[in-house]
C-alpha atoms as a PDB file:
ATOM      1  CA  MET A   1      37.362  22.431   4.793  1.00  0.00           C
ATOM      2  CA  LEU A   2      40.737  21.856   5.386  1.00  0.00           C
ATOM      3  CA  PRO A   3      42.948  24.523   6.834  1.00  0.00           C
ATOM      4  CA  LEU A   4      44.803  26.479   3.788  1.00  0.00           C
ATOM      5  CA  LYS A   5      48.513  24.765   4.935  1.00  0.00           C
ATOM      6  CA  ASN A   6      47.129  20.753   4.997  1.00  0.00           C
ATOM      7  CA  ILE A   7      45.762  21.588   1.568  1.00  0.00           C
ATOM      8  CA  PHE A   8      48.734  24.205   0.243  1.00  0.00           C
ATOM      9  CA  ASN A   9      50.814  20.572   1.539  1.00  0.00           C
ATOM     10  CA  LYS A  10      49.121  18.209  -0.621  1.00  0.00           C
ATOM     11  CA  ILE A  11      49.482  19.846  -3.423  1.00  0.00           C
ATOM     12  CA  PHE A  12      52.903  20.189  -3.499  1.00  0.00           C
ATOM     13  CA  TRP A  13      54.316  16.850  -1.598  1.00  0.00           C
ATOM     14  CA  ASP A  14      51.404  13.879  -3.175  1.00  0.00           C
ATOM     15  CA  GLU A  15      53.070  13.186  -6.661  1.00  0.00           C
ATOM     16  CA  ARG A  16      49.403  12.065  -6.972  1.00  0.00           C
ATOM     17  CA  VAL A  17      48.398  15.369  -7.018  1.00  0.00           C
ATOM     18  CA  ASP A  18      48.681  17.698 -10.803  1.00  0.00           C
ATOM     19  CA  ARG A  19      49.914  21.447  -9.463  1.00  0.00           C
ATOM     20  CA  ARG A  20      48.873  22.685 -13.130  1.00  0.00           C
ATOM     21  CA  ASP A  21      45.175  21.187 -11.853  1.00  0.00           C
ATOM     22  CA  HIS A  22      45.046  23.988  -9.290  1.00  0.00           C
ATOM     23  CA  VAL A  23      44.243  27.724  -8.820  1.00  0.00           C
ATOM     24  CA  ILE A  24      44.957  30.303  -6.455  1.00  0.00           C
ATOM     25  CA  THR A  25      43.415  33.475  -6.325  1.00  0.00           C
ATOM     26  CA  PHE A  26      44.622  36.469  -4.011  1.00  0.00           C
ATOM     27  CA  VAL A  27      44.315  39.822  -2.830  1.00  0.00           C
ATOM     28  CA  HIS A  28      46.744  41.760  -5.764  1.00  0.00           C
ATOM     29  CA  ARG A  29      46.409  45.731  -6.037  1.00  0.00           C
ATOM     30  CA  GLY A  30      46.011  46.850  -8.910  1.00  0.00           C
ATOM     31  CA  ALA A  31      44.618  44.111 -11.072  1.00  0.00           C
ATOM     32  CA  PRO A  32      40.610  43.755 -12.224  1.00  0.00           C
ATOM     33  CA  SER A  33      38.521  43.174  -9.640  1.00  0.00           C
ATOM     34  CA  ASP A  34      42.142  43.345  -6.822  1.00  0.00           C
ATOM     35  CA  ALA A  35      42.489  39.803  -7.314  1.00  0.00           C
ATOM     36  CA  LYS A  36      44.598  37.787  -9.077  1.00  0.00           C
ATOM     37  CA  THR A  37      44.528  34.076 -10.107  1.00  0.00           C
ATOM     38  CA  ILE A  38      48.248  31.546 -11.101  1.00  0.00           C
ATOM     39  CA  THR A  39      48.360  28.399 -11.109  1.00  0.00           C
ATOM     40  CA  ALA A  40      49.569  26.071  -8.400  1.00  0.00           C
ATOM     41  CA  SER A  41      52.576  25.288 -11.052  1.00  0.00           C
ATOM     42  CA  GLN A  42      53.947  28.887 -11.020  1.00  0.00           C
ATOM     43  CA  ILE A  43      54.606  28.669  -6.636  1.00  0.00           C
ATOM     44  CA  ARG A  44      58.300  28.467  -6.394  1.00  0.00           C
ATOM     45  CA  GLN A  45      58.576  28.218  -2.609  1.00  0.00           C
ATOM     46  CA  VAL A  46      56.161  28.101   0.147  1.00  0.00           C
ATOM     47  CA  GLY A  47      56.993  29.193   3.292  1.00  0.00           C
ATOM     48  CA  ARG A  48      55.449  29.153   6.863  1.00  0.00           C
ATOM     49  CA  SER A  49      53.118  32.077   5.732  1.00  0.00           C
ATOM     50  CA  TRP A  50      53.901  32.998   2.642  1.00  0.00           C
ATOM     51  CA  PHE A  51      54.538  31.604  -0.610  1.00  0.00           C
ATOM     52  CA  THR A  52      56.315  32.920  -4.193  1.00  0.00           C
ATOM     53  CA  TYR A  53      55.554  32.516  -7.823  1.00  0.00           C
ATOM     54  CA  CYS A  54      57.245  33.272 -10.856  1.00  0.00           C
ATOM     55  CA  GLN A  55      55.831  35.019 -13.648  1.00  0.00           C
ATOM     56  CA  GLN A  56      57.870  36.151 -16.854  1.00  0.00           C
ATOM     57  CA  ASP A  57      61.209  35.700 -14.680  1.00  0.00           C
ATOM     58  CA  GLN A  58      59.661  37.242 -12.254  1.00  0.00           C
ATOM     59  CA  GLU A  59      59.533  35.849  -8.769  1.00  0.00           C
ATOM     60  CA  THR A  60      57.198  37.892  -6.282  1.00  0.00           C
ATOM     61  CA  LEU A  61      56.339  37.281  -2.572  1.00  0.00           C
ATOM     62  CA  ILE A  62      53.360  36.553  -1.467  1.00  0.00           C
ATOM     63  CA  PRO A  63      51.650  35.756   2.016  1.00  0.00           C
ATOM     64  CA  MET A  64      49.188  33.637   3.025  1.00  0.00           C
ATOM     65  CA  HIS A  65      46.686  35.775   4.701  1.00  0.00           C
ATOM     66  CA  ARG A  66      45.453  38.081   1.342  1.00  0.00           C
ATOM     67  CA  ILE A  67      44.563  34.055  -0.589  1.00  0.00           C
ATOM     68  CA  LEU A  68      41.233  34.124  -1.774  1.00  0.00           C
ATOM     69  CA  THR A  69      40.233  30.552  -3.113  1.00  0.00           C
ATOM     70  CA  VAL A  70      42.194  27.542  -3.372  1.00  0.00           C
ATOM     71  CA  GLU A  71      40.433  25.684  -6.390  1.00  0.00           C
ATOM     72  CA  ASN A  72      40.435  21.867  -8.673  1.00  0.00           C
ATOM     73  CA  VAL A  73      39.860  23.557 -12.100  1.00  0.00           C
ATOM     74  CA  ARG A  74      39.870  20.127 -13.584  1.00  0.00           C
ATOM     75  CA  THR A  75      37.046  19.618 -10.808  1.00  0.00           C
ATOM     76  CA  GLY A  76      35.635  22.714  -9.951  1.00  0.00           C
ATOM     77  CA  GLU A  77      36.012  22.139  -6.299  1.00  0.00           C
ATOM     78  CA  ILE A  78      36.467  25.178  -4.534  1.00  0.00           C
ATOM     79  CA  LEU A  79      39.344  23.132  -2.060  1.00  0.00           C
ATOM     80  CA  TRP A  80      39.283  26.727   0.731  1.00  0.00           C
ATOM     81  CA  ARG A  81      37.787  29.900   0.886  1.00  0.00           C
ATOM     82  CA  LYS A  82      38.705  32.576   3.298  1.00  0.00           C
ATOM     83  CA  ARG A  83      36.307  33.553   4.830  1.00  0.00           C
ATOM     84  CA  GLY A  84      33.750  36.059   4.478  1.00  0.00           C
ATOM     85  CA  THR A  85      34.844  35.648   0.036  1.00  0.00           C
ATOM     86  CA  SER A  86      31.672  34.956  -1.785  1.00  0.00           C
ATOM     87  CA  ASN A  87      33.348  35.131  -5.413  1.00  0.00           C
ATOM     88  CA  PRO A  88      36.934  36.996  -5.918  1.00  0.00           C
ATOM     89  CA  THR A  89      36.675  37.701  -9.529  1.00  0.00           C
END
């Protein structure tokens, strides 16, 4: 499996990749199963160890260590899964 940063770089900088085809699931306390899933198209900025996403005109910063999975929903392929995580949802 590729490192998470490489996957993010491909999703956000490779013009052949459609962000709408990718979902990111991360730890989100209070959400069902303490996990939230967003499309990569909701992500506004990617930093060295974080990303921000926008939902209902509110921007939220998420540290990379909270990411559980990155999946291509068009193909069903899990591109990255946090070690020790079987199924976050």
